[in-house]
N, C-alpha and C. Protein backbone atom coordinates (compact mmCIF):
# COMPACT_ATOMS: atom_id res chain seq x y z
N MET A 1 14.27 -64.77 -51.81
CA MET A 1 15.78 -63.85 -52.35
C MET A 1 16.89 -65.81 -52.19
N ALA A 2 17.51 -65.69 -53.81
CA ALA A 2 18.70 -66.58 -53.78
C ALA A 2 20.05 -66.12 -52.99
N TYR A 3 20.31 -67.61 -52.95
CA TYR A 3 21.71 -67.14 -51.93
C TYR A 3 23.06 -67.13 -52.50
N ALA A 4 22.97 -66.79 -53.84
CA ALA A 4 23.69 -66.11 -54.92
C ALA A 4 23.10 -65.14 -55.99
N THR A 5 24.41 -63.92 -56.41
CA THR A 5 23.72 -63.25 -57.58
C THR A 5 24.54 -63.75 -58.33
N VAL A 6 23.94 -62.94 -59.34
CA VAL A 6 24.45 -63.15 -60.63
C VAL A 6 25.96 -62.91 -60.67
N GLN A 7 26.44 -61.27 -60.31
CA GLN A 7 27.77 -61.17 -59.97
C GLN A 7 28.34 -61.74 -59.93
N ASP A 8 28.10 -62.86 -58.42
CA ASP A 8 28.33 -63.95 -57.40
C ASP A 8 29.15 -65.32 -59.03
N LEU A 9 27.98 -65.59 -59.80
CA LEU A 9 28.34 -66.22 -61.21
C LEU A 9 29.79 -65.91 -61.72
N ILE A 10 29.09 -64.50 -61.66
CA ILE A 10 30.06 -64.27 -63.09
C ILE A 10 31.72 -63.60 -62.04
N ASP A 11 31.79 -63.79 -60.72
CA ASP A 11 33.28 -63.62 -60.11
C ASP A 11 33.42 -64.86 -60.07
N ARG A 12 32.87 -66.32 -60.18
CA ARG A 12 33.31 -67.20 -60.30
C ARG A 12 33.64 -67.95 -61.34
N PHE A 13 32.95 -67.95 -62.23
CA PHE A 13 32.88 -68.33 -64.00
C PHE A 13 32.98 -67.51 -65.06
N GLY A 14 32.75 -66.20 -64.83
CA GLY A 14 33.49 -65.32 -65.91
C GLY A 14 32.12 -65.07 -66.98
N GLN A 15 32.17 -63.82 -67.46
CA GLN A 15 31.10 -63.29 -67.94
C GLN A 15 30.58 -63.84 -69.56
N THR A 16 31.58 -64.33 -69.85
CA THR A 16 31.29 -64.55 -70.89
C THR A 16 30.85 -66.03 -71.27
N GLU A 17 31.32 -67.08 -70.03
CA GLU A 17 30.77 -67.97 -69.92
C GLU A 17 29.24 -67.83 -69.84
N LEU A 18 28.76 -66.68 -69.13
CA LEU A 18 27.60 -66.23 -68.16
C LEU A 18 26.74 -65.91 -69.39
N VAL A 19 27.31 -65.39 -70.35
CA VAL A 19 26.58 -64.69 -71.72
C VAL A 19 26.27 -66.07 -72.56
N ARG A 20 26.91 -67.20 -72.82
CA ARG A 20 26.58 -68.23 -73.43
C ARG A 20 25.63 -68.68 -72.44
N LEU A 21 25.58 -69.20 -71.89
CA LEU A 21 24.52 -70.46 -70.72
C LEU A 21 23.67 -70.06 -70.78
N THR A 22 23.31 -68.16 -70.78
CA THR A 22 22.14 -67.49 -70.49
C THR A 22 21.36 -67.14 -71.68
N THR A 23 22.60 -67.30 -72.84
CA THR A 23 21.68 -66.52 -74.16
C THR A 23 20.55 -67.43 -74.83
N PRO A 24 19.44 -67.78 -75.75
CA PRO A 24 18.99 -68.86 -76.26
C PRO A 24 19.65 -68.80 -77.33
N ALA A 25 19.18 -70.11 -77.82
CA ALA A 25 20.54 -70.78 -78.89
C ALA A 25 20.25 -69.95 -79.89
N ASP A 26 18.56 -69.22 -80.66
CA ASP A 26 18.72 -68.58 -81.80
C ASP A 26 19.05 -67.21 -81.68
N GLN A 27 19.65 -66.61 -80.39
CA GLN A 27 19.64 -65.30 -80.47
C GLN A 27 21.30 -64.96 -80.63
N ASP A 28 21.05 -63.98 -80.46
CA ASP A 28 22.88 -63.43 -80.45
C ASP A 28 23.60 -63.30 -78.99
N LEU A 29 24.86 -63.23 -79.11
CA LEU A 29 25.30 -63.11 -77.87
C LEU A 29 25.40 -61.84 -77.27
N ASP A 30 24.30 -60.69 -76.49
CA ASP A 30 24.47 -59.60 -76.63
C ASP A 30 25.00 -59.73 -75.04
N GLY A 31 24.64 -60.08 -74.28
CA GLY A 31 24.83 -59.98 -72.66
C GLY A 31 24.72 -60.97 -72.16
N ILE A 32 24.28 -60.97 -70.88
CA ILE A 32 23.69 -61.90 -69.56
C ILE A 32 22.52 -61.60 -69.57
N VAL A 33 21.64 -62.53 -70.09
CA VAL A 33 20.22 -62.64 -69.78
C VAL A 33 19.45 -62.24 -68.17
N MET A 34 19.94 -61.61 -67.88
CA MET A 34 19.54 -61.89 -66.33
C MET A 34 18.03 -62.62 -65.32
N PRO A 35 17.19 -62.48 -66.24
CA PRO A 35 16.09 -63.41 -65.78
C PRO A 35 16.51 -64.51 -65.30
N VAL A 36 17.05 -65.09 -67.02
CA VAL A 36 17.40 -66.62 -66.97
C VAL A 36 18.39 -66.80 -66.02
N ALA A 37 19.42 -66.23 -65.95
CA ALA A 37 20.61 -66.52 -65.09
C ALA A 37 19.83 -66.52 -63.15
N GLU A 38 19.17 -65.69 -63.06
CA GLU A 38 18.19 -65.52 -61.69
C GLU A 38 17.32 -66.48 -61.51
N ALA A 39 16.62 -66.44 -62.18
CA ALA A 39 15.83 -68.26 -62.16
C ALA A 39 16.87 -69.21 -61.79
N LYS A 40 17.56 -69.43 -62.40
CA LYS A 40 18.59 -70.38 -61.87
C LYS A 40 18.82 -70.91 -60.76
N LEU A 41 18.95 -69.69 -60.08
CA LEU A 41 19.74 -69.58 -58.86
C LEU A 41 18.44 -69.24 -57.84
N ASP A 42 17.56 -69.06 -58.26
CA ASP A 42 16.23 -69.44 -57.16
C ASP A 42 16.05 -70.74 -57.22
N ASP A 43 16.23 -71.73 -58.28
CA ASP A 43 16.02 -73.04 -58.27
C ASP A 43 16.68 -74.05 -57.65
N ALA A 44 18.21 -73.34 -57.45
CA ALA A 44 19.62 -73.53 -56.90
C ALA A 44 18.83 -73.48 -55.09
N THR A 45 18.61 -72.09 -55.17
CA THR A 45 18.84 -71.94 -53.33
C THR A 45 17.17 -73.34 -52.76
N ALA A 46 16.22 -73.26 -54.01
CA ALA A 46 15.12 -74.13 -52.98
C ALA A 46 15.75 -75.66 -53.13
N VAL A 47 16.73 -76.26 -53.88
CA VAL A 47 17.74 -77.41 -54.15
C VAL A 47 18.36 -77.22 -52.31
N ILE A 48 19.04 -76.54 -52.18
CA ILE A 48 20.21 -76.24 -50.97
C ILE A 48 18.76 -76.05 -49.76
N ASP A 49 17.62 -75.56 -49.69
CA ASP A 49 16.54 -75.16 -48.69
C ASP A 49 16.19 -76.84 -48.14
N SER A 50 16.25 -77.39 -49.29
CA SER A 50 15.54 -78.56 -49.12
C SER A 50 16.34 -79.95 -48.56
N TYR A 51 17.81 -79.37 -48.48
CA TYR A 51 18.39 -80.24 -47.84
C TYR A 51 18.92 -79.70 -46.43
N VAL A 52 19.32 -78.29 -46.82
CA VAL A 52 19.72 -77.85 -44.90
C VAL A 52 18.71 -77.92 -44.31
N GLY A 53 17.61 -77.61 -44.88
CA GLY A 53 16.50 -76.80 -43.70
C GLY A 53 15.48 -78.10 -42.76
N ARG A 54 16.28 -79.20 -43.26
CA ARG A 54 16.43 -80.45 -42.31
C ARG A 54 16.90 -80.22 -41.17
N ARG A 55 18.17 -79.90 -41.04
CA ARG A 55 19.11 -78.88 -39.67
C ARG A 55 19.21 -77.83 -39.37
N TYR A 56 19.09 -76.78 -40.32
CA TYR A 56 18.55 -75.22 -40.18
C TYR A 56 17.93 -74.77 -40.52
N GLN A 57 17.68 -73.53 -40.30
CA GLN A 57 16.35 -72.52 -40.13
C GLN A 57 16.89 -71.73 -41.53
N VAL A 58 15.55 -72.17 -42.29
CA VAL A 58 15.73 -71.68 -44.00
C VAL A 58 14.45 -70.73 -43.95
N PRO A 59 14.38 -69.90 -45.54
CA PRO A 59 15.53 -69.16 -45.99
C PRO A 59 16.80 -68.64 -44.32
N MET A 60 18.02 -68.64 -45.53
CA MET A 60 18.98 -67.80 -44.37
C MET A 60 19.07 -66.55 -44.26
N SER A 61 18.81 -65.74 -43.84
CA SER A 61 18.98 -64.49 -43.91
C SER A 61 20.14 -63.65 -44.24
N VAL A 62 21.84 -64.53 -44.01
CA VAL A 62 23.09 -64.09 -44.83
C VAL A 62 23.46 -65.73 -44.56
N ALA A 63 23.63 -65.71 -46.14
CA ALA A 63 24.05 -67.65 -46.29
C ALA A 63 25.49 -66.91 -46.27
N PRO A 64 26.39 -68.53 -45.53
CA PRO A 64 27.92 -68.22 -45.63
C PRO A 64 28.04 -68.84 -47.33
N GLN A 65 29.70 -68.42 -47.67
CA GLN A 65 29.98 -68.45 -48.51
C GLN A 65 30.08 -69.96 -49.29
N VAL A 66 30.34 -70.94 -48.04
CA VAL A 66 29.78 -72.32 -48.61
C VAL A 66 28.34 -72.49 -49.40
N ILE A 67 27.47 -71.96 -48.33
CA ILE A 67 26.69 -71.90 -49.43
C ILE A 67 25.86 -71.19 -50.74
N VAL A 68 26.72 -70.10 -50.75
CA VAL A 68 27.37 -69.02 -52.22
C VAL A 68 27.96 -70.40 -53.01
N ARG A 69 28.44 -70.49 -52.55
CA ARG A 69 28.89 -71.38 -53.73
C ARG A 69 28.08 -72.61 -54.85
N ALA A 70 27.67 -73.16 -53.45
CA ALA A 70 26.69 -74.09 -53.51
C ALA A 70 25.76 -73.65 -54.74
N CYS A 71 24.91 -72.39 -54.23
CA CYS A 71 24.26 -72.36 -54.87
C CYS A 71 24.61 -71.68 -56.69
N CYS A 72 25.89 -71.47 -56.73
CA CYS A 72 26.72 -70.87 -58.04
C CYS A 72 27.26 -71.96 -58.57
N ILE A 73 27.40 -73.36 -58.47
CA ILE A 73 27.43 -74.29 -58.83
C ILE A 73 26.48 -75.10 -59.58
N LEU A 74 25.24 -75.10 -58.37
CA LEU A 74 24.06 -75.92 -59.21
C LEU A 74 23.03 -74.81 -60.09
N ALA A 75 23.21 -73.49 -59.90
CA ALA A 75 22.55 -72.79 -61.40
C ALA A 75 23.75 -73.15 -62.66
N ARG A 76 24.62 -73.06 -62.43
CA ARG A 76 26.01 -72.97 -63.51
C ARG A 76 25.38 -74.21 -64.17
N TYR A 77 25.18 -75.48 -63.50
CA TYR A 77 24.83 -76.69 -63.90
C TYR A 77 24.00 -76.78 -64.73
N ASP A 78 22.55 -76.12 -63.93
CA ASP A 78 21.19 -76.03 -64.56
C ASP A 78 21.08 -75.16 -65.99
N LEU A 79 21.86 -74.08 -66.12
CA LEU A 79 22.64 -73.19 -66.97
C LEU A 79 22.62 -73.87 -68.18
N ALA A 80 23.56 -75.20 -67.91
CA ALA A 80 24.20 -75.65 -68.85
C ALA A 80 23.79 -76.71 -69.59
N THR A 81 22.23 -76.78 -69.26
CA THR A 81 21.10 -77.60 -69.13
C THR A 81 20.21 -77.93 -70.20
N GLY A 82 20.39 -78.36 -71.44
CA GLY A 82 18.83 -77.93 -72.10
C GLY A 82 19.12 -76.81 -73.39
N GLU A 83 18.58 -76.33 -74.08
CA GLU A 83 18.66 -75.55 -74.70
C GLU A 83 20.56 -76.00 -76.33
N GLN A 84 19.92 -76.98 -76.60
CA GLN A 84 21.14 -77.80 -77.52
C GLN A 84 22.48 -77.50 -76.70
N ARG A 85 22.64 -77.56 -75.71
CA ARG A 85 23.95 -77.21 -74.18
C ARG A 85 23.82 -78.92 -73.85
N GLU A 86 24.80 -79.00 -73.05
CA GLU A 86 24.81 -79.92 -72.62
C GLU A 86 25.98 -79.49 -70.67
N PRO A 87 26.43 -80.26 -70.14
CA PRO A 87 27.05 -79.38 -68.87
C PRO A 87 28.45 -80.29 -69.39
N THR A 88 29.52 -79.63 -69.29
CA THR A 88 30.87 -80.44 -68.99
C THR A 88 31.11 -81.45 -67.92
N GLU A 89 32.13 -82.11 -68.16
CA GLU A 89 32.64 -83.33 -66.78
C GLU A 89 32.71 -82.53 -65.83
N GLN A 90 33.50 -80.88 -66.34
CA GLN A 90 34.02 -80.15 -64.88
C GLN A 90 32.77 -79.97 -64.09
N MET A 91 31.63 -79.22 -64.98
CA MET A 91 30.36 -79.14 -64.24
C MET A 91 29.78 -80.69 -63.41
N ARG A 92 29.36 -81.34 -64.29
CA ARG A 92 28.99 -82.54 -63.55
C ARG A 92 29.42 -83.23 -62.26
N LEU A 93 30.88 -82.81 -62.19
CA LEU A 93 31.86 -83.61 -61.28
C LEU A 93 31.70 -82.55 -60.02
N GLN A 94 31.25 -81.05 -60.44
CA GLN A 94 30.95 -79.96 -59.03
C GLN A 94 29.90 -80.26 -58.76
N ARG A 95 28.88 -80.41 -59.58
CA ARG A 95 27.67 -80.79 -58.94
C ARG A 95 27.27 -82.12 -58.15
N GLN A 96 27.60 -83.13 -58.51
CA GLN A 96 28.05 -84.60 -57.31
C GLN A 96 28.42 -84.34 -56.32
N GLU A 97 29.83 -83.53 -56.33
CA GLU A 97 30.07 -82.99 -54.99
C GLU A 97 29.38 -81.94 -54.37
N THR A 98 28.54 -81.52 -54.85
CA THR A 98 28.07 -80.48 -54.48
C THR A 98 26.38 -80.95 -53.71
N MET A 99 26.30 -81.93 -54.48
CA MET A 99 25.30 -82.05 -53.93
C MET A 99 25.06 -83.49 -52.50
N ALA A 100 26.49 -84.50 -53.18
CA ALA A 100 26.82 -85.22 -51.76
C ALA A 100 27.14 -84.24 -50.95
N TRP A 101 28.00 -83.25 -50.51
CA TRP A 101 27.79 -82.36 -49.73
C TRP A 101 26.82 -81.57 -49.25
N LEU A 102 26.16 -81.30 -49.59
CA LEU A 102 24.24 -80.83 -49.01
C LEU A 102 23.53 -82.33 -48.11
N ARG A 103 24.34 -83.17 -48.96
CA ARG A 103 23.58 -84.75 -47.88
C ARG A 103 23.80 -84.88 -46.71
N ASP A 104 25.74 -84.65 -46.81
CA ASP A 104 26.19 -84.46 -45.77
C ASP A 104 25.80 -83.84 -44.60
N VAL A 105 25.51 -82.36 -44.97
CA VAL A 105 24.73 -81.06 -44.49
C VAL A 105 23.61 -81.71 -43.56
N SER A 106 22.67 -82.40 -44.77
CA SER A 106 21.58 -82.86 -44.02
C SER A 106 21.40 -83.46 -42.85
N ILE A 107 22.45 -84.84 -43.24
CA ILE A 107 22.36 -85.84 -41.72
C ILE A 107 23.21 -85.31 -40.81
N GLY A 108 23.85 -84.28 -40.72
CA GLY A 108 24.83 -83.71 -39.72
C GLY A 108 25.70 -83.80 -39.22
N THR A 109 26.88 -84.60 -41.14
CA THR A 109 27.97 -84.39 -40.88
C THR A 109 28.89 -83.59 -41.02
N VAL A 110 28.34 -82.59 -41.88
CA VAL A 110 28.97 -81.25 -41.92
C VAL A 110 28.37 -80.34 -41.38
N VAL A 111 28.65 -79.88 -40.20
CA VAL A 111 28.12 -78.39 -39.35
C VAL A 111 28.28 -77.35 -39.95
N LEU A 112 27.19 -76.41 -40.21
CA LEU A 112 27.54 -75.20 -40.93
C LEU A 112 27.14 -74.15 -39.64
N ASP A 113 27.81 -73.08 -39.66
CA ASP A 113 27.84 -72.01 -38.65
C ASP A 113 26.21 -71.39 -38.64
N LEU A 114 25.20 -71.56 -38.28
CA LEU A 114 24.01 -71.63 -39.05
C LEU A 114 23.08 -71.49 -37.84
N ASP A 115 21.61 -71.21 -37.09
CA ASP A 115 20.55 -71.81 -36.31
C ASP A 115 20.71 -72.98 -36.73
N GLU A 116 20.29 -73.83 -35.73
CA GLU A 116 20.11 -75.20 -35.66
C GLU A 116 18.27 -75.36 -35.42
N VAL A 117 17.35 -76.10 -36.40
CA VAL A 117 16.29 -76.41 -35.81
C VAL A 117 15.87 -76.94 -35.08
N ALA A 118 15.63 -76.38 -34.05
CA ALA A 118 15.06 -76.97 -32.46
C ALA A 118 14.13 -78.03 -32.39
N PRO A 119 14.73 -79.27 -32.06
CA PRO A 119 13.17 -80.30 -32.14
C PRO A 119 12.18 -80.01 -31.36
N GLY A 120 11.28 -80.27 -32.39
CA GLY A 120 9.76 -79.81 -32.05
C GLY A 120 9.34 -78.34 -32.39
N ASP A 121 10.68 -77.71 -32.99
CA ASP A 121 9.99 -76.64 -33.84
C ASP A 121 8.86 -76.82 -35.10
N GLU A 122 7.92 -75.65 -34.71
CA GLU A 122 6.94 -76.27 -36.23
C GLU A 122 6.70 -75.71 -37.07
N SER A 123 8.84 -75.64 -37.57
CA SER A 123 8.73 -75.45 -38.93
C SER A 123 8.86 -76.51 -39.55
N TYR A 124 9.29 -77.76 -38.86
CA TYR A 124 9.24 -79.20 -39.19
C TYR A 124 7.13 -79.51 -39.53
N ALA A 125 7.17 -80.45 -40.19
CA ALA A 125 6.01 -81.46 -40.50
C ALA A 125 5.77 -81.76 -39.44
N MET A 126 4.71 -81.45 -38.57
CA MET A 126 4.08 -82.35 -37.60
C MET A 126 3.34 -83.68 -37.50
N ALA A 127 3.51 -84.14 -36.99
CA ALA A 127 2.36 -85.39 -36.50
C ALA A 127 1.05 -84.71 -35.83
N SER A 128 -0.25 -85.25 -36.07
CA SER A 128 -1.14 -84.88 -34.62
C SER A 128 -2.03 -85.83 -35.07
N THR A 129 -2.40 -85.57 -33.75
CA THR A 129 -3.44 -87.15 -32.99
C THR A 129 -4.77 -86.43 -33.69
N ARG A 130 -5.66 -86.87 -33.68
CA ARG A 130 -6.95 -86.67 -33.46
C ARG A 130 -8.02 -87.99 -33.18
N ASP A 131 -9.23 -87.99 -33.46
CA ASP A 131 -10.28 -88.91 -32.38
C ASP A 131 -9.91 -89.42 -33.96
N ALA A 132 -10.19 -91.01 -33.88
CA ALA A 132 -10.47 -92.43 -34.61
C ALA A 132 -11.83 -92.11 -35.25
N VAL A 133 -12.13 -92.18 -36.40
CA VAL A 133 -13.42 -92.27 -37.05
C VAL A 133 -14.19 -93.47 -37.29
N TYR A 134 -13.44 -94.46 -36.91
CA TYR A 134 -14.37 -95.72 -36.38
C TYR A 134 -13.36 -96.11 -35.19
N GLY A 135 -14.97 -96.76 -34.93
CA GLY A 135 -15.51 -96.86 -33.01
C GLY A 135 -14.21 -98.49 -32.60
N SER A 136 -14.06 -98.87 -31.83
CA SER A 136 -13.61 -100.04 -31.27
C SER A 136 -13.94 -101.04 -32.32
N GLY A 137 -13.04 -101.54 -32.85
CA GLY A 137 -12.68 -103.16 -33.37
C GLY A 137 -12.89 -102.41 -34.84
N GLY A 138 -12.80 -101.47 -35.18
CA GLY A 138 -12.41 -100.80 -36.87
C GLY A 138 -13.68 -100.56 -37.40
N ARG A 139 -15.00 -100.76 -36.52
CA ARG A 139 -15.93 -100.14 -37.19
C ARG A 139 -16.60 -99.04 -37.19
N TRP A 140 -17.70 -98.61 -38.25
CA TRP A 140 -17.90 -97.24 -37.65
C TRP A 140 -19.24 -97.53 -36.45
N PRO A 141 -19.11 -96.30 -35.80
CA PRO A 141 -19.48 -96.01 -34.50
C PRO A 141 -21.57 -96.22 -34.87
């Protein structure tokens, strides 16, 4: 489930912009194309999880407002990319700032009020040991 909704996008950027950004170039501007907006919100959520998941349990059951905001900014940028569209300078700057903020979250410079991943938690990739394939001296036994 995405950390933001289409309504969150509308509240932040306006319905007119969402209609324009979700409608394919060869179609009339009849309304927001929900599957397009929802797919970009899902993509943005995956990006957020890839950063936030280094320190916190993901997926979040309830996303803090800063995460909702980040999800909206990333989705908006992706909606404005392609289909003969190009993001505005404001969109580029907001995305750049959001990505820098996510990097800060991942290294612990920014702290969120979420459950942290405990050291040794199995939600991270784990290294395991197993018997060596080769015998002593690096030769097959």
